[in-house]
N, C-alpha and C. Protein backbone atom coordinates (compact mmCIF):
# COMPACT_ATOMS: atom_id res chain seq x y z
N MET A 1 15.30 -24.59 9.06
CA MET A 1 15.73 -23.53 8.16
C MET A 1 14.54 -22.76 7.59
N THR A 2 13.42 -23.44 7.35
CA THR A 2 12.28 -22.76 6.75
C THR A 2 11.71 -21.70 7.67
N LEU A 3 11.70 -21.95 8.97
CA LEU A 3 11.20 -20.96 9.92
C LEU A 3 12.09 -19.73 9.95
N VAL A 4 13.39 -19.94 9.87
CA VAL A 4 14.33 -18.82 9.83
C VAL A 4 14.13 -18.01 8.56
N GLU A 5 13.93 -18.71 7.44
CA GLU A 5 13.70 -18.03 6.17
C GLU A 5 12.39 -17.24 6.22
N PHE A 6 11.37 -17.81 6.83
CA PHE A 6 10.09 -17.12 6.96
C PHE A 6 10.26 -15.82 7.74
N PHE A 7 10.89 -15.88 8.90
CA PHE A 7 11.04 -14.67 9.72
C PHE A 7 11.97 -13.67 9.05
N GLY A 8 13.03 -14.14 8.41
CA GLY A 8 13.94 -13.23 7.73
C GLY A 8 13.26 -12.47 6.61
N CYS A 9 12.51 -13.18 5.79
CA CYS A 9 11.80 -12.52 4.68
C CYS A 9 10.69 -11.61 5.19
N THR A 10 10.00 -12.03 6.23
CA THR A 10 8.95 -11.19 6.80
C THR A 10 9.52 -9.91 7.39
N PHE A 11 10.63 -10.01 8.10
CA PHE A 11 11.24 -8.81 8.68
C PHE A 11 11.83 -7.92 7.60
N LEU A 12 12.33 -8.49 6.52
CA LEU A 12 12.81 -7.67 5.42
C LEU A 12 11.67 -6.92 4.75
N ALA A 13 10.58 -7.61 4.52
CA ALA A 13 9.45 -6.99 3.82
C ALA A 13 8.70 -5.98 4.69
N PHE A 14 8.55 -6.27 5.98
CA PHE A 14 7.71 -5.43 6.82
C PHE A 14 8.45 -4.72 7.95
N GLY A 15 9.75 -4.88 8.06
CA GLY A 15 10.51 -4.21 9.10
C GLY A 15 10.52 -2.69 8.95
N PRO A 16 10.97 -2.16 7.81
CA PRO A 16 10.95 -0.70 7.65
C PRO A 16 9.54 -0.09 7.72
N PRO A 17 8.51 -0.69 7.07
CA PRO A 17 7.17 -0.11 7.25
C PRO A 17 6.68 -0.16 8.70
N LEU A 18 7.06 -1.21 9.43
CA LEU A 18 6.69 -1.27 10.84
C LEU A 18 7.38 -0.17 11.63
N ALA A 19 8.65 0.07 11.35
CA ALA A 19 9.37 1.16 12.02
C ALA A 19 8.75 2.51 11.66
N MET A 20 8.39 2.68 10.40
CA MET A 20 7.74 3.92 9.99
C MET A 20 6.42 4.10 10.74
N PHE A 21 5.68 3.03 10.89
CA PHE A 21 4.42 3.10 11.63
C PHE A 21 4.65 3.45 13.09
N ILE A 22 5.59 2.77 13.72
CA ILE A 22 5.83 2.99 15.15
C ILE A 22 6.29 4.41 15.43
N PHE A 23 7.22 4.91 14.62
CA PHE A 23 7.82 6.21 14.92
C PHE A 23 7.02 7.40 14.40
N THR A 24 6.17 7.20 13.42
CA THR A 24 5.48 8.36 12.85
C THR A 24 3.96 8.31 12.92
N VAL A 25 3.39 7.14 13.13
CA VAL A 25 1.93 7.03 13.07
C VAL A 25 1.31 6.60 14.39
N ALA A 26 1.93 5.68 15.09
CA ALA A 26 1.29 4.99 16.22
C ALA A 26 0.89 5.91 17.37
N HIS A 27 1.55 7.03 17.54
CA HIS A 27 1.25 7.88 18.70
C HIS A 27 0.07 8.82 18.47
N ASP A 28 -0.49 8.85 17.28
CA ASP A 28 -1.60 9.75 16.98
C ASP A 28 -2.80 8.95 16.48
N PRO A 29 -3.93 8.97 17.20
CA PRO A 29 -5.09 8.18 16.79
C PRO A 29 -5.68 8.58 15.45
N VAL A 30 -5.59 9.85 15.09
CA VAL A 30 -6.13 10.29 13.80
C VAL A 30 -5.30 9.72 12.66
N ARG A 31 -3.99 9.65 12.84
CA ARG A 31 -3.13 9.06 11.82
C ARG A 31 -3.44 7.57 11.65
N ILE A 32 -3.71 6.90 12.75
CA ILE A 32 -4.06 5.48 12.66
C ILE A 32 -5.37 5.31 11.89
N ILE A 33 -6.33 6.18 12.12
CA ILE A 33 -7.60 6.11 11.40
C ILE A 33 -7.39 6.34 9.91
N VAL A 34 -6.56 7.32 9.57
CA VAL A 34 -6.29 7.61 8.16
C VAL A 34 -5.56 6.43 7.52
N LEU A 35 -4.62 5.83 8.23
CA LEU A 35 -3.89 4.67 7.71
C LEU A 35 -4.84 3.51 7.44
N ILE A 36 -5.73 3.22 8.37
CA ILE A 36 -6.68 2.13 8.20
C ILE A 36 -7.67 2.44 7.08
N ALA A 37 -8.10 3.69 6.98
CA ALA A 37 -9.01 4.06 5.89
C ALA A 37 -8.33 3.90 4.53
N ALA A 38 -7.08 4.30 4.43
CA ALA A 38 -6.35 4.16 3.17
C ALA A 38 -6.17 2.68 2.82
N ALA A 39 -5.85 1.87 3.81
CA ALA A 39 -5.72 0.43 3.57
C ALA A 39 -7.05 -0.16 3.11
N PHE A 40 -8.13 0.31 3.69
CA PHE A 40 -9.45 -0.16 3.28
C PHE A 40 -9.76 0.26 1.84
N PHE A 41 -9.37 1.46 1.47
CA PHE A 41 -9.59 1.90 0.09
C PHE A 41 -8.76 1.09 -0.89
N TRP A 42 -7.56 0.68 -0.49
CA TRP A 42 -6.78 -0.19 -1.37
C TRP A 42 -7.51 -1.53 -1.53
N LEU A 43 -8.08 -2.04 -0.45
CA LEU A 43 -8.84 -3.29 -0.54
C LEU A 43 -10.05 -3.14 -1.46
N LEU A 44 -10.72 -1.99 -1.37
CA LEU A 44 -11.85 -1.76 -2.27
C LEU A 44 -11.40 -1.74 -3.73
N SER A 45 -10.25 -1.15 -4.00
CA SER A 45 -9.75 -1.14 -5.38
C SER A 45 -9.41 -2.55 -5.84
N LEU A 46 -8.89 -3.37 -4.94
CA LEU A 46 -8.60 -4.76 -5.29
C LEU A 46 -9.87 -5.54 -5.59
N ILE A 47 -10.89 -5.33 -4.79
CA ILE A 47 -12.17 -6.02 -5.02
C ILE A 47 -12.78 -5.58 -6.35
N LEU A 48 -12.73 -4.28 -6.62
CA LEU A 48 -13.30 -3.79 -7.87
C LEU A 48 -12.52 -4.30 -9.08
N SER A 49 -11.21 -4.33 -8.99
CA SER A 49 -10.43 -4.86 -10.12
C SER A 49 -10.64 -6.36 -10.28
N SER A 50 -10.86 -7.08 -9.19
CA SER A 50 -11.16 -8.51 -9.28
C SER A 50 -12.51 -8.75 -9.94
N LEU A 51 -13.48 -7.95 -9.57
CA LEU A 51 -14.80 -8.07 -10.21
C LEU A 51 -14.72 -7.71 -11.69
N TRP A 52 -13.97 -6.69 -12.01
CA TRP A 52 -13.78 -6.29 -13.41
C TRP A 52 -13.15 -7.42 -14.22
N TRP A 53 -12.13 -8.04 -13.64
CA TRP A 53 -11.46 -9.15 -14.31
C TRP A 53 -12.42 -10.34 -14.47
N TYR A 54 -13.25 -10.57 -13.47
CA TYR A 54 -14.17 -11.69 -13.50
C TYR A 54 -15.29 -11.48 -14.52
N ILE A 55 -15.71 -10.24 -14.71
CA ILE A 55 -16.81 -9.94 -15.63
C ILE A 55 -16.40 -10.16 -17.08
N PHE A 56 -15.19 -9.76 -17.46
CA PHE A 56 -14.75 -9.86 -18.85
C PHE A 56 -14.03 -11.18 -19.08
N ILE A 57 -14.81 -12.20 -19.37
CA ILE A 57 -14.29 -13.56 -19.52
C ILE A 57 -13.29 -13.70 -20.67
N PRO A 58 -13.54 -13.12 -21.85
CA PRO A 58 -12.57 -13.33 -22.94
C PRO A 58 -11.20 -12.72 -22.67
N LEU A 59 -11.14 -11.73 -21.84
CA LEU A 59 -9.87 -11.05 -21.59
C LEU A 59 -9.12 -11.60 -20.36
N ARG A 60 -9.60 -12.64 -19.75
CA ARG A 60 -8.95 -13.20 -18.57
C ARG A 60 -7.58 -13.77 -18.87
N LYS A 61 -7.39 -14.25 -20.08
CA LYS A 61 -6.10 -14.88 -20.40
C LYS A 61 -4.99 -13.86 -20.55
N ASP A 62 -5.33 -12.59 -20.73
CA ASP A 62 -4.34 -11.53 -20.87
C ASP A 62 -4.09 -10.88 -19.52
N LEU A 63 -2.92 -11.08 -18.98
CA LEU A 63 -2.56 -10.51 -17.69
C LEU A 63 -2.46 -9.00 -17.76
N VAL A 64 -2.10 -8.47 -18.91
CA VAL A 64 -1.97 -7.02 -19.08
C VAL A 64 -3.30 -6.32 -18.84
N PHE A 65 -4.38 -6.93 -19.29
CA PHE A 65 -5.71 -6.36 -19.10
C PHE A 65 -5.99 -6.15 -17.60
N GLY A 66 -5.77 -7.18 -16.82
CA GLY A 66 -6.02 -7.07 -15.38
C GLY A 66 -5.07 -6.11 -14.70
N LEU A 67 -3.83 -6.09 -15.12
CA LEU A 67 -2.84 -5.21 -14.51
C LEU A 67 -3.15 -3.75 -14.75
N ILE A 68 -3.49 -3.40 -15.97
CA ILE A 68 -3.79 -2.01 -16.31
C ILE A 68 -4.99 -1.51 -15.53
N PHE A 69 -6.05 -2.29 -15.51
CA PHE A 69 -7.23 -1.85 -14.80
C PHE A 69 -7.04 -1.87 -13.28
N SER A 70 -6.22 -2.75 -12.79
CA SER A 70 -5.92 -2.75 -11.36
C SER A 70 -5.21 -1.46 -10.95
N VAL A 71 -4.26 -1.02 -11.75
CA VAL A 71 -3.56 0.24 -11.45
C VAL A 71 -4.51 1.42 -11.57
N ILE A 72 -5.37 1.40 -12.59
CA ILE A 72 -6.34 2.49 -12.75
C ILE A 72 -7.27 2.56 -11.55
N PHE A 73 -7.76 1.42 -11.09
CA PHE A 73 -8.65 1.41 -9.93
C PHE A 73 -7.93 1.86 -8.67
N GLN A 74 -6.67 1.48 -8.50
CA GLN A 74 -5.90 1.94 -7.34
C GLN A 74 -5.78 3.46 -7.34
N GLU A 75 -5.50 4.03 -8.50
CA GLU A 75 -5.34 5.48 -8.56
C GLU A 75 -6.67 6.20 -8.38
N VAL A 76 -7.75 5.62 -8.85
CA VAL A 76 -9.07 6.21 -8.62
C VAL A 76 -9.38 6.22 -7.12
N PHE A 77 -9.08 5.13 -6.44
CA PHE A 77 -9.34 5.07 -5.01
C PHE A 77 -8.36 5.94 -4.22
N ARG A 78 -7.15 6.12 -4.73
CA ARG A 78 -6.22 7.05 -4.09
C ARG A 78 -6.77 8.48 -4.20
N TYR A 79 -7.36 8.80 -5.35
CA TYR A 79 -7.97 10.11 -5.53
C TYR A 79 -9.18 10.27 -4.61
N LEU A 80 -9.97 9.21 -4.45
CA LEU A 80 -11.13 9.28 -3.56
C LEU A 80 -10.71 9.51 -2.11
N ILE A 81 -9.66 8.83 -1.66
CA ILE A 81 -9.21 9.05 -0.28
C ILE A 81 -8.66 10.46 -0.13
N TYR A 82 -8.03 10.98 -1.17
CA TYR A 82 -7.56 12.38 -1.15
C TYR A 82 -8.75 13.32 -0.97
N LYS A 83 -9.78 13.15 -1.79
CA LYS A 83 -10.95 14.03 -1.70
C LYS A 83 -11.63 13.92 -0.34
N ILE A 84 -11.73 12.71 0.17
CA ILE A 84 -12.36 12.53 1.48
C ILE A 84 -11.54 13.20 2.58
N LEU A 85 -10.23 13.03 2.55
CA LEU A 85 -9.38 13.67 3.56
C LEU A 85 -9.47 15.18 3.50
N ARG A 86 -9.50 15.74 2.31
CA ARG A 86 -9.57 17.19 2.18
C ARG A 86 -10.93 17.73 2.61
N LYS A 87 -11.99 16.97 2.37
CA LYS A 87 -13.33 17.42 2.76
C LYS A 87 -13.57 17.29 4.27
N THR A 88 -12.86 16.38 4.91
CA THR A 88 -13.09 16.15 6.34
C THR A 88 -12.08 16.87 7.22
N GLU A 89 -11.26 17.74 6.66
CA GLU A 89 -10.25 18.43 7.46
C GLU A 89 -10.86 19.24 8.60
N ASP A 90 -11.95 19.94 8.32
CA ASP A 90 -12.58 20.76 9.37
C ASP A 90 -13.11 19.89 10.50
N GLY A 91 -13.75 18.77 10.15
CA GLY A 91 -14.25 17.87 11.17
C GLY A 91 -13.14 17.23 11.98
N LEU A 92 -12.05 16.89 11.32
CA LEU A 92 -10.91 16.30 12.02
C LEU A 92 -10.25 17.31 12.95
N LYS A 93 -10.25 18.58 12.57
CA LYS A 93 -9.68 19.62 13.44
C LYS A 93 -10.48 19.74 14.73
N LYS A 94 -11.78 19.53 14.64
CA LYS A 94 -12.64 19.66 15.82
C LYS A 94 -12.44 18.51 16.80
N ILE A 95 -12.15 17.30 16.30
CA ILE A 95 -12.05 16.17 17.21
C ILE A 95 -10.63 15.94 17.72
N THR A 96 -9.65 16.62 17.15
CA THR A 96 -8.28 16.40 17.58
C THR A 96 -7.87 17.46 18.59
N ASP A 97 -6.86 17.11 19.35
CA ASP A 97 -6.30 18.10 20.26
C ASP A 97 -5.21 18.89 19.53
N ASP A 98 -4.54 19.76 20.23
CA ASP A 98 -3.54 20.62 19.59
C ASP A 98 -2.22 19.90 19.31
N THR A 99 -2.08 18.66 19.78
CA THR A 99 -0.81 17.97 19.58
C THR A 99 -0.70 17.32 18.20
N THR A 100 -1.80 17.10 17.52
CA THR A 100 -1.72 16.47 16.21
C THR A 100 -1.37 17.48 15.13
N GLN A 101 -0.57 17.06 14.19
CA GLN A 101 -0.16 17.93 13.09
C GLN A 101 -0.68 17.41 11.75
N LEU A 102 -1.52 16.41 11.79
CA LEU A 102 -1.97 15.77 10.56
C LEU A 102 -2.74 16.72 9.67
N ILE A 103 -3.57 17.56 10.25
CA ILE A 103 -4.40 18.45 9.46
C ILE A 103 -3.60 19.64 8.95
N ASP A 104 -2.72 20.17 9.78
CA ASP A 104 -1.93 21.33 9.38
C ASP A 104 -0.88 20.99 8.33
N ASN A 105 -0.32 19.81 8.41
CA ASN A 105 0.72 19.39 7.48
C ASN A 105 0.11 18.44 6.46
N LYS A 106 -0.14 18.93 5.27
CA LYS A 106 -0.80 18.12 4.24
C LYS A 106 0.09 16.97 3.76
N HIS A 107 1.40 17.14 3.84
CA HIS A 107 2.29 16.06 3.44
C HIS A 107 2.21 14.88 4.40
N LEU A 108 1.91 15.17 5.65
CA LEU A 108 1.80 14.10 6.64
C LEU A 108 0.60 13.21 6.36
N SER A 109 -0.53 13.81 6.01
CA SER A 109 -1.70 12.99 5.68
C SER A 109 -1.45 12.19 4.40
N ALA A 110 -0.72 12.77 3.46
CA ALA A 110 -0.38 12.04 2.24
C ALA A 110 0.55 10.88 2.55
N TYR A 111 1.51 11.10 3.43
CA TYR A 111 2.45 10.04 3.84
C TYR A 111 1.71 8.90 4.52
N VAL A 112 0.82 9.23 5.45
CA VAL A 112 0.09 8.20 6.19
C VAL A 112 -0.84 7.43 5.25
N SER A 113 -1.48 8.14 4.35
CA SER A 113 -2.36 7.48 3.39
C SER A 113 -1.57 6.56 2.46
N GLY A 114 -0.44 7.02 1.98
CA GLY A 114 0.40 6.18 1.13
C GLY A 114 0.94 4.97 1.86
N LEU A 115 1.28 5.15 3.14
CA LEU A 115 1.74 4.02 3.94
C LEU A 115 0.63 2.99 4.12
N GLY A 116 -0.59 3.45 4.30
CA GLY A 116 -1.73 2.53 4.40
C GLY A 116 -1.92 1.74 3.12
N PHE A 117 -1.83 2.42 1.98
CA PHE A 117 -1.92 1.73 0.69
C PHE A 117 -0.80 0.70 0.57
N GLY A 118 0.42 1.12 0.92
CA GLY A 118 1.57 0.25 0.75
C GLY A 118 1.56 -0.97 1.66
N VAL A 119 1.16 -0.77 2.91
CA VAL A 119 1.13 -1.90 3.85
C VAL A 119 0.10 -2.94 3.43
N MET A 120 -1.04 -2.48 2.97
CA MET A 120 -2.06 -3.45 2.54
C MET A 120 -1.63 -4.13 1.25
N SER A 121 -1.04 -3.39 0.34
CA SER A 121 -0.54 -3.99 -0.89
C SER A 121 0.55 -5.02 -0.59
N GLY A 122 1.46 -4.66 0.29
CA GLY A 122 2.54 -5.58 0.67
C GLY A 122 2.03 -6.81 1.39
N SER A 123 1.02 -6.63 2.21
CA SER A 123 0.45 -7.77 2.92
C SER A 123 -0.13 -8.78 1.94
N PHE A 124 -0.85 -8.30 0.95
CA PHE A 124 -1.41 -9.21 -0.04
C PHE A 124 -0.33 -9.82 -0.92
N ALA A 125 0.74 -9.09 -1.15
CA ALA A 125 1.81 -9.63 -1.99
C ALA A 125 2.60 -10.71 -1.27
N MET A 126 2.75 -10.60 0.04
CA MET A 126 3.64 -11.50 0.77
C MET A 126 2.96 -12.64 1.50
N VAL A 127 1.66 -12.59 1.69
CA VAL A 127 1.03 -13.59 2.54
C VAL A 127 1.19 -15.01 1.99
N ASN A 128 1.00 -15.21 0.71
CA ASN A 128 1.15 -16.56 0.16
C ASN A 128 2.61 -16.98 0.06
N VAL A 129 3.48 -16.04 -0.25
CA VAL A 129 4.91 -16.35 -0.32
C VAL A 129 5.42 -16.73 1.06
N ALA A 130 5.02 -16.00 2.08
CA ALA A 130 5.46 -16.31 3.44
C ALA A 130 4.89 -17.65 3.91
N ALA A 131 3.65 -17.93 3.51
CA ALA A 131 3.06 -19.22 3.88
C ALA A 131 3.81 -20.37 3.22
N ASP A 132 4.26 -20.18 2.00
CA ASP A 132 5.04 -21.22 1.33
C ASP A 132 6.43 -21.35 1.93
N ALA A 133 6.97 -20.25 2.42
CA ALA A 133 8.32 -20.29 3.00
C ALA A 133 8.37 -21.12 4.28
N ILE A 134 7.27 -21.21 4.98
CA ILE A 134 7.26 -21.94 6.24
C ILE A 134 7.04 -23.44 6.03
N GLY A 135 6.67 -23.81 4.81
CA GLY A 135 6.39 -25.22 4.51
C GLY A 135 7.63 -26.08 4.51
N PRO A 136 7.46 -27.39 4.36
CA PRO A 136 8.60 -28.30 4.41
C PRO A 136 9.43 -28.25 3.12
N GLY A 137 10.70 -28.09 3.26
CA GLY A 137 11.63 -28.18 2.15
C GLY A 137 11.35 -27.23 1.01
N THR A 138 11.38 -25.95 1.25
CA THR A 138 10.96 -24.99 0.24
C THR A 138 12.11 -24.30 -0.47
N MET A 139 13.28 -24.83 -0.42
CA MET A 139 14.41 -24.16 -1.05
C MET A 139 14.23 -24.10 -2.56
N GLY A 140 13.84 -22.95 -3.08
CA GLY A 140 13.74 -22.78 -4.51
C GLY A 140 12.40 -23.15 -5.12
N LEU A 141 11.46 -23.64 -4.37
CA LEU A 141 10.11 -23.94 -4.85
C LEU A 141 10.05 -24.47 -6.28
N LYS A 142 9.92 -25.75 -6.44
CA LYS A 142 9.75 -26.42 -7.73
C LYS A 142 10.90 -26.11 -8.69
N SER A 143 12.07 -26.39 -8.29
CA SER A 143 13.31 -26.24 -9.05
C SER A 143 13.57 -24.81 -9.51
N GLY A 144 13.07 -23.83 -8.75
CA GLY A 144 13.37 -22.42 -9.03
C GLY A 144 14.63 -22.01 -8.28
N THR A 145 14.88 -20.75 -8.30
CA THR A 145 16.07 -20.24 -7.63
C THR A 145 15.87 -20.19 -6.12
N GLU A 146 16.94 -20.35 -5.39
CA GLU A 146 16.85 -20.28 -3.93
C GLU A 146 16.71 -18.84 -3.44
N MET A 147 16.81 -17.90 -4.34
CA MET A 147 16.66 -16.48 -3.99
C MET A 147 15.21 -15.99 -4.14
N PHE A 148 14.28 -16.89 -4.40
CA PHE A 148 12.89 -16.49 -4.64
C PHE A 148 12.29 -15.74 -3.46
N PHE A 149 12.45 -16.26 -2.27
CA PHE A 149 11.81 -15.66 -1.10
C PHE A 149 12.43 -14.32 -0.74
N ILE A 150 13.74 -14.23 -0.81
CA ILE A 150 14.40 -12.97 -0.49
C ILE A 150 14.08 -11.91 -1.54
N THR A 151 13.98 -12.33 -2.80
CA THR A 151 13.62 -11.41 -3.87
C THR A 151 12.17 -10.94 -3.71
N SER A 152 11.28 -11.85 -3.35
CA SER A 152 9.88 -11.48 -3.13
C SER A 152 9.75 -10.51 -1.96
N ALA A 153 10.50 -10.74 -0.90
CA ALA A 153 10.45 -9.85 0.26
C ALA A 153 10.99 -8.46 -0.09
N ALA A 154 12.09 -8.41 -0.83
CA ALA A 154 12.66 -7.12 -1.21
C ALA A 154 11.72 -6.38 -2.16
N THR A 155 11.08 -7.10 -3.07
CA THR A 155 10.12 -6.48 -3.98
C THR A 155 8.92 -5.95 -3.23
N CYS A 156 8.46 -6.70 -2.25
CA CYS A 156 7.34 -6.27 -1.41
C CYS A 156 7.69 -4.98 -0.67
N LEU A 157 8.89 -4.92 -0.11
CA LEU A 157 9.34 -3.71 0.58
C LEU A 157 9.40 -2.54 -0.39
N CYS A 158 9.93 -2.76 -1.58
CA CYS A 158 10.03 -1.69 -2.58
C CYS A 158 8.65 -1.16 -2.95
N PHE A 159 7.69 -2.05 -3.17
CA PHE A 159 6.36 -1.58 -3.54
C PHE A 159 5.65 -0.88 -2.38
N THR A 160 5.90 -1.31 -1.17
CA THR A 160 5.33 -0.62 -0.01
C THR A 160 5.87 0.81 0.06
N LEU A 161 7.17 0.95 -0.10
CA LEU A 161 7.77 2.29 -0.07
C LEU A 161 7.34 3.12 -1.28
N LEU A 162 7.20 2.49 -2.44
CA LEU A 162 6.75 3.22 -3.62
C LEU A 162 5.32 3.75 -3.45
N HIS A 163 4.45 2.95 -2.83
CA HIS A 163 3.10 3.44 -2.55
C HIS A 163 3.15 4.64 -1.62
N THR A 164 4.03 4.58 -0.63
CA THR A 164 4.15 5.70 0.30
C THR A 164 4.63 6.95 -0.42
N PHE A 165 5.68 6.82 -1.22
CA PHE A 165 6.22 7.97 -1.95
C PHE A 165 5.21 8.49 -2.97
N TRP A 166 4.55 7.58 -3.66
CA TRP A 166 3.59 8.01 -4.66
C TRP A 166 2.40 8.71 -4.01
N GLY A 167 2.02 8.31 -2.81
CA GLY A 167 0.96 9.01 -2.09
C GLY A 167 1.33 10.46 -1.83
N VAL A 168 2.56 10.71 -1.42
CA VAL A 168 3.00 12.08 -1.16
C VAL A 168 3.05 12.88 -2.46
N ILE A 169 3.58 12.29 -3.52
CA ILE A 169 3.67 12.99 -4.81
C ILE A 169 2.26 13.27 -5.35
N PHE A 170 1.39 12.29 -5.26
CA PHE A 170 0.02 12.41 -5.78
C PHE A 170 -0.74 13.50 -5.04
N PHE A 171 -0.71 13.49 -3.71
CA PHE A 171 -1.43 14.48 -2.93
C PHE A 171 -0.86 15.88 -3.17
N ASN A 172 0.46 15.99 -3.23
CA ASN A 172 1.09 17.28 -3.46
C ASN A 172 0.72 17.84 -4.83
N ALA A 173 0.70 16.98 -5.83
CA ALA A 173 0.33 17.42 -7.17
C ALA A 173 -1.12 17.89 -7.21
N LEU A 174 -2.01 17.21 -6.52
CA LEU A 174 -3.40 17.64 -6.49
C LEU A 174 -3.58 18.92 -5.68
N ASP A 175 -2.86 19.06 -4.57
CA ASP A 175 -2.96 20.28 -3.76
C ASP A 175 -2.47 21.50 -4.53
N ASN A 176 -1.41 21.34 -5.30
CA ASN A 176 -0.81 22.46 -6.03
C ASN A 176 -1.27 22.55 -7.48
N LYS A 177 -2.24 21.69 -7.86
CA LYS A 177 -2.80 21.67 -9.21
C LYS A 177 -1.73 21.41 -10.27
N TYR A 178 -0.81 20.50 -9.98
CA TYR A 178 0.20 20.06 -10.94
C TYR A 178 -0.25 18.74 -11.55
N THR A 179 -1.22 18.80 -12.43
CA THR A 179 -1.74 17.55 -12.98
C THR A 179 -0.73 16.83 -13.86
N MET A 180 0.23 17.54 -14.40
CA MET A 180 1.25 16.89 -15.22
C MET A 180 2.13 15.95 -14.38
N CYS A 181 2.27 16.25 -13.09
CA CYS A 181 3.04 15.35 -12.21
C CYS A 181 2.32 14.03 -12.01
N ILE A 182 1.02 14.04 -12.10
CA ILE A 182 0.24 12.81 -11.94
C ILE A 182 0.20 12.03 -13.23
N LEU A 183 0.00 12.73 -14.33
CA LEU A 183 -0.16 12.06 -15.62
C LEU A 183 1.15 11.55 -16.18
N LEU A 184 2.24 12.25 -15.94
CA LEU A 184 3.55 11.84 -16.45
C LEU A 184 4.52 11.66 -15.28
N PRO A 185 4.55 10.48 -14.69
CA PRO A 185 5.43 10.30 -13.52
C PRO A 185 6.89 10.37 -13.86
């Protein structure tokens, strides 16, 4: 039963993002590069927020401290990937053929970047939960609810999609100079 639960939760959490990748990203090498770069930037934000949390020893006991700065670092790195993508548009136009629409359609680069953020965020959110799901006798983990794994998988999927949507909203707001859309979601 644990193996079935593992695959079910994994497919719930990563099935739609995998379909999004296959149908919209996989056929274009530039989109794959942007997706991997965005995922790398999310990792950099995680490392920076971890270092920040590690440096301030008295505030480690407050989860809110780490959460707030983690979100701030994620948004700073989302802004950095936006700036890098906009500055490299001319170079990307030179190396791509006429079949790619990533440079011409700014929403597409925002979508791919947000998907990269979301997939990496979801991977980190689900890896330990999925590893526990495959273990022996994991129904409810330490007298918890038996819905823990399915709830974690659904939450992971929601956050992956939210990163994708927020990437599009964030990039569009910066392109059109709607800073109020960024500051007041």
